[in-house]
Amino acid sequence: MTKSLLIVAHAPSDNTRALLDAVRTGAEEAGAGSVSVTVLSPFDAGPDAVRASDAVILGTTENLGYMSGALKDFFDRTYYPCLEETQGLPYALFVRAGHDGTGTCRAVQSITTGLRWRAVQEPLVCRGTFDPKFIDDCRDLGAGMAAGLDAGIF
């Protein structure tokens, strides 16, 4: 049976699009044939997409020590419609942070705790000046999520 992985990420720059592409590539390669990968911007993702997913990867920039307005908008539109129906949903988070990403991770964790989603990986925070290693880390994040779904780990 094919599992469904939803990637909801705000990628407003070339660097953040490269991170998103790496997450998608890792997930598609690791889940080839067994995991269907859907990538949506936070503005295009809604409750139906979340409810149809077996796991979610969230991606955001750090904006003034918080998540992007786009990801916050996603949560504002999906929180109550998904609250009772997606408890236990496995998720992972990647953050492109100019500073330390702490406030961003805390804000996402607060909302996902309320939703009763289950973090299955530590947040990946790509801190400071852009480093090409971020691409490899994001590919590994996507691959880990798809492999975990495929193996039935979550």
C-alpha atoms as a PDB file:
ATOM      1  CA  MET A   1       0.000   0.000   0.000  1.00  0.00           C
ATOM      2  CA  THR A   2       1.365   3.408  -0.973  1.00  0.00           C
ATOM      3  CA  LYS A   3       1.891   5.866   1.883  1.00  0.00           C
ATOM      4  CA  SER A   4       1.489   9.611   1.459  1.00  0.00           C
ATOM      5  CA  LEU A   5       4.092  12.173   2.533  1.00  0.00           C
ATOM      6  CA  LEU A   6       3.102  15.842   2.436  1.00  0.00           C
ATOM      7  CA  ILE A   7       5.783  18.521   2.355  1.00  0.00           C
ATOM      8  CA  VAL A   8       4.510  21.980   3.274  1.00  0.00           C
ATOM      9  CA  ALA A   9       7.296  24.526   2.959  1.00  0.00           C
ATOM     10  CA  HIS A  10       7.742  28.245   2.503  1.00  0.00           C
ATOM     11  CA  ALA A  11      10.662  28.724   0.103  1.00  0.00           C
ATOM     12  CA  PRO A  12      10.868  32.387  -0.936  1.00  0.00           C
ATOM     13  CA  SER A  13      14.512  32.443  -2.115  1.00  0.00           C
ATOM     14  CA  ASP A  14      16.850  30.437  -4.306  1.00  0.00           C
ATOM     15  CA  ASN A  15      18.566  28.989  -1.230  1.00  0.00           C
ATOM     16  CA  THR A  16      15.327  27.945   0.469  1.00  0.00           C
ATOM     17  CA  ARG A  17      14.033  26.455  -2.795  1.00  0.00           C
ATOM     18  CA  ALA A  18      17.258  24.430  -2.983  1.00  0.00           C
ATOM     19  CA  LEU A  19      16.572  23.104   0.526  1.00  0.00           C
ATOM     20  CA  LEU A  20      12.991  22.228  -0.385  1.00  0.00           C
ATOM     21  CA  ASP A  21      14.150  20.514  -3.586  1.00  0.00           C
ATOM     22  CA  ALA A  22      16.642  18.471  -1.552  1.00  0.00           C
ATOM     23  CA  VAL A  23      13.942  17.367   0.912  1.00  0.00           C
ATOM     24  CA  ARG A  24      11.717  16.352  -1.998  1.00  0.00           C
ATOM     25  CA  THR A  25      14.538  14.519  -3.803  1.00  0.00           C
ATOM     26  CA  GLY A  26      15.515  12.593  -0.675  1.00  0.00           C
ATOM     27  CA  ALA A  27      11.907  11.594  -0.036  1.00  0.00           C
ATOM     28  CA  GLU A  28      11.243  10.570  -3.633  1.00  0.00           C
ATOM     29  CA  GLU A  29      14.440   8.519  -3.890  1.00  0.00           C
ATOM     30  CA  ALA A  30      13.967   6.737  -0.547  1.00  0.00           C
ATOM     31  CA  GLY A  31      10.282   6.115  -1.066  1.00  0.00           C
ATOM     32  CA  ALA A  32      10.360   5.208  -4.754  1.00  0.00           C
ATOM     33  CA  GLY A  33       7.267   3.198  -5.527  1.00  0.00           C
ATOM     34  CA  SER A  34       6.017   2.995  -1.949  1.00  0.00           C
ATOM     35  CA  VAL A  35       5.672   6.616  -0.822  1.00  0.00           C
ATOM     36  CA  SER A  36       3.775   9.263  -2.742  1.00  0.00           C
ATOM     37  CA  VAL A  37       5.336  12.699  -2.183  1.00  0.00           C
ATOM     38  CA  THR A  38       3.261  15.873  -2.492  1.00  0.00           C
ATOM     39  CA  VAL A  39       4.867  19.308  -2.168  1.00  0.00           C
ATOM     40  CA  LEU A  40       2.686  22.347  -1.506  1.00  0.00           C
ATOM     41  CA  SER A  41       3.320  25.907  -0.459  1.00  0.00           C
ATOM     42  CA  PRO A  42       1.719  26.776   2.869  1.00  0.00           C
ATOM     43  CA  PHE A  43      -0.770  28.934   0.962  1.00  0.00           C
ATOM     44  CA  ASP A  44      -1.882  25.987  -1.186  1.00  0.00           C
ATOM     45  CA  ALA A  45      -2.013  23.334   1.540  1.00  0.00           C
ATOM     46  CA  GLY A  46      -5.256  22.904   3.432  1.00  0.00           C
ATOM     47  CA  PRO A  47      -7.011  20.516   5.778  1.00  0.00           C
ATOM     48  CA  ASP A  48      -7.812  17.981   3.046  1.00  0.00           C
ATOM     49  CA  ALA A  49      -4.140  17.632   2.101  1.00  0.00           C
ATOM     50  CA  VAL A  50      -3.168  17.115   5.748  1.00  0.00           C
ATOM     51  CA  ARG A  51      -5.922  14.576   6.402  1.00  0.00           C
ATOM     52  CA  ALA A  52      -4.909  12.631   3.274  1.00  0.00           C
ATOM     53  CA  SER A  53      -1.298  12.318   4.469  1.00  0.00           C
ATOM     54  CA  ASP A  54       0.444   9.662   6.508  1.00  0.00           C
ATOM     55  CA  ALA A  55       3.215  12.094   7.529  1.00  0.00           C
ATOM     56  CA  VAL A  56       4.172  15.743   7.041  1.00  0.00           C
ATOM     57  CA  ILE A  57       7.421  17.621   6.640  1.00  0.00           C
ATOM     58  CA  LEU A  58       7.164  21.318   7.481  1.00  0.00           C
ATOM     59  CA  GLY A  59       9.649  23.861   6.167  1.00  0.00           C
ATOM     60  CA  THR A  60       9.987  27.513   7.053  1.00  0.00           C
ATOM     61  CA  THR A  61      12.300  30.440   7.178  1.00  0.00           C
ATOM     62  CA  GLU A  62      13.070  32.095  10.483  1.00  0.00           C
ATOM     63  CA  ASN A  63      11.338  35.477  10.424  1.00  0.00           C
ATOM     64  CA  LEU A  64      12.017  37.754  13.372  1.00  0.00           C
ATOM     65  CA  GLY A  65      12.577  34.721  15.598  1.00  0.00           C
ATOM     66  CA  TYR A  66       9.330  33.098  14.471  1.00  0.00           C
ATOM     67  CA  MET A  67       8.045  30.907  11.647  1.00  0.00           C
ATOM     68  CA  SER A  68       7.191  32.497   8.317  1.00  0.00           C
ATOM     69  CA  GLY A  69       3.816  34.181   7.997  1.00  0.00           C
ATOM     70  CA  ALA A  70       3.031  31.666   5.258  1.00  0.00           C
ATOM     71  CA  LEU A  71       3.447  28.672   7.589  1.00  0.00           C
ATOM     72  CA  LYS A  72       1.501  30.471  10.321  1.00  0.00           C
ATOM     73  CA  ASP A  73      -1.301  31.044   7.785  1.00  0.00           C
ATOM     74  CA  PHE A  74      -1.270  27.304   7.002  1.00  0.00           C
ATOM     75  CA  PHE A  75      -1.685  26.489  10.691  1.00  0.00           C
ATOM     76  CA  ASP A  76      -4.407  29.137  11.100  1.00  0.00           C
ATOM     77  CA  ARG A  77      -6.447  27.523   8.308  1.00  0.00           C
ATOM     78  CA  THR A  78      -5.845  23.880   9.197  1.00  0.00           C
ATOM     79  CA  TYR A  79      -5.658  23.760  12.994  1.00  0.00           C
ATOM     80  CA  TYR A  80      -9.308  23.328  13.936  1.00  0.00           C
ATOM     81  CA  PRO A  81     -10.369  21.307  10.882  1.00  0.00           C
ATOM     82  CA  CYS A  82      -7.512  18.849  11.586  1.00  0.00           C
ATOM     83  CA  LEU A  83      -7.494  18.907  15.380  1.00  0.00           C
ATOM     84  CA  GLU A  84      -9.537  15.780  16.000  1.00  0.00           C
ATOM     85  CA  GLU A  85      -8.672  13.893  12.814  1.00  0.00           C
ATOM     86  CA  THR A  86      -4.873  14.030  12.650  1.00  0.00           C
ATOM     87  CA  GLN A  87      -3.770  13.259  16.195  1.00  0.00           C
ATOM     88  CA  GLY A  88      -0.556  11.254  16.185  1.00  0.00           C
ATOM     89  CA  LEU A  89       0.425  12.434  12.688  1.00  0.00           C
ATOM     90  CA  PRO A  90       4.202  12.009  12.307  1.00  0.00           C
ATOM     91  CA  TYR A  91       6.001  15.176  11.299  1.00  0.00           C
ATOM     92  CA  ALA A  92       9.444  16.677  10.876  1.00  0.00           C
ATOM     93  CA  LEU A  93      10.577  20.290  10.568  1.00  0.00           C
ATOM     94  CA  PHE A  94      13.343  22.079   8.708  1.00  0.00           C
ATOM     95  CA  VAL A  95      14.169  25.731   9.323  1.00  0.00           C
ATOM     96  CA  ARG A  96      16.394  28.103   7.386  1.00  0.00           C
ATOM     97  CA  ALA A  97      17.581  30.364  10.185  1.00  0.00           C
ATOM     98  CA  GLY A  98      19.739  33.441   9.960  1.00  0.00           C
ATOM     99  CA  HIS A  99      20.131  33.303  13.728  1.00  0.00           C
ATOM    100  CA  ASP A 100      19.583  30.277  15.954  1.00  0.00           C
ATOM    101  CA  GLY A 101      16.079  29.096  15.007  1.00  0.00           C
ATOM    102  CA  THR A 102      15.060  28.565  18.631  1.00  0.00           C
ATOM    103  CA  GLY A 103      11.954  30.744  18.551  1.00  0.00           C
ATOM    104  CA  THR A 104      10.861  29.250  15.236  1.00  0.00           C
ATOM    105  CA  CYS A 105      11.164  25.686  16.492  1.00  0.00           C
ATOM    106  CA  ARG A 106       9.400  26.577  19.745  1.00  0.00           C
ATOM    107  CA  ALA A 107       6.483  28.195  17.866  1.00  0.00           C
ATOM    108  CA  VAL A 108       6.008  25.212  15.533  1.00  0.00           C
ATOM    109  CA  GLN A 109       6.330  22.786  18.437  1.00  0.00           C
ATOM    110  CA  SER A 110       3.693  24.681  20.393  1.00  0.00           C
ATOM    111  CA  ILE A 111       1.186  24.396  17.552  1.00  0.00           C
ATOM    112  CA  THR A 112       1.990  20.779  16.702  1.00  0.00           C
ATOM    113  CA  THR A 113       1.726  19.851  20.385  1.00  0.00           C
ATOM    114  CA  GLY A 114      -1.759  21.329  20.400  1.00  0.00           C
ATOM    115  CA  LEU A 115      -2.593  19.279  17.305  1.00  0.00           C
ATOM    116  CA  ARG A 116      -1.087  16.242  19.061  1.00  0.00           C
ATOM    117  CA  TRP A 117       1.195  15.579  16.100  1.00  0.00           C
ATOM    118  CA  ARG A 118       4.259  13.461  16.799  1.00  0.00           C
ATOM    119  CA  ALA A 119       7.758  14.743  15.984  1.00  0.00           C
ATOM    120  CA  VAL A 120       9.707  11.781  14.599  1.00  0.00           C
ATOM    121  CA  GLN A 121      12.989  13.623  14.022  1.00  0.00           C
ATOM    122  CA  GLU A 122      14.697  16.496  15.766  1.00  0.00           C
ATOM    123  CA  PRO A 123      14.136  19.789  13.926  1.00  0.00           C
ATOM    124  CA  LEU A 124      16.759  20.416  11.260  1.00  0.00           C
ATOM    125  CA  VAL A 125      17.912  23.998  11.708  1.00  0.00           C
ATOM    126  CA  CYS A 126      20.140  25.305   8.923  1.00  0.00           C
ATOM    127  CA  ARG A 127      21.768  28.171  10.828  1.00  0.00           C
ATOM    128  CA  GLY A 128      23.831  31.137   9.737  1.00  0.00           C
ATOM    129  CA  THR A 129      25.447  31.767   6.389  1.00  0.00           C
ATOM    130  CA  PHE A 130      24.224  29.382   3.718  1.00  0.00           C
ATOM    131  CA  ASP A 131      26.335  26.225   3.660  1.00  0.00           C
ATOM    132  CA  PRO A 132      26.108  23.638   0.858  1.00  0.00           C
ATOM    133  CA  LYS A 133      25.998  20.986   3.626  1.00  0.00           C
ATOM    134  CA  PHE A 134      22.433  22.158   4.285  1.00  0.00           C
ATOM    135  CA  ILE A 135      21.452  20.510   0.978  1.00  0.00           C
ATOM    136  CA  ASP A 136      22.743  17.109   2.127  1.00  0.00           C
ATOM    137  CA  ASP A 137      21.076  17.500   5.526  1.00  0.00           C
ATOM    138  CA  CYS A 138      17.733  18.308   3.895  1.00  0.00           C
ATOM    139  CA  ARG A 139      18.037  15.377   1.484  1.00  0.00           C
ATOM    140  CA  ASP A 140      18.670  13.120   4.498  1.00  0.00           C
ATOM    141  CA  LEU A 141      15.615  14.545   6.284  1.00  0.00           C
ATOM    142  CA  GLY A 142      13.355  13.748   3.331  1.00  0.00           C
ATOM    143  CA  ALA A 143      14.889  10.311   2.876  1.00  0.00           C
ATOM    144  CA  GLY A 144      14.490   9.495   6.560  1.00  0.00           C
ATOM    145  CA  MET A 145      10.819  10.411   6.553  1.00  0.00           C
ATOM    146  CA  ALA A 146      10.073   8.380   3.426  1.00  0.00           C
ATOM    147  CA  ALA A 147      12.097   5.399   4.647  1.00  0.00           C
ATOM    148  CA  GLY A 148      10.328   5.505   8.017  1.00  0.00           C
ATOM    149  CA  LEU A 149       6.931   5.535   6.316  1.00  0.00           C
ATOM    150  CA  ASP A 150       7.928   2.736   3.946  1.00  0.00           C
ATOM    151  CA  ALA A 151       9.212   0.571   6.818  1.00  0.00           C
ATOM    152  CA  GLY A 152       6.112   1.205   8.926  1.00  0.00           C
ATOM    153  CA  ILE A 153       8.164   2.798  11.699  1.00  0.00           C
ATOM    154  CA  PHE A 154       5.706   5.672  11.850  1.00  0.00           C
END
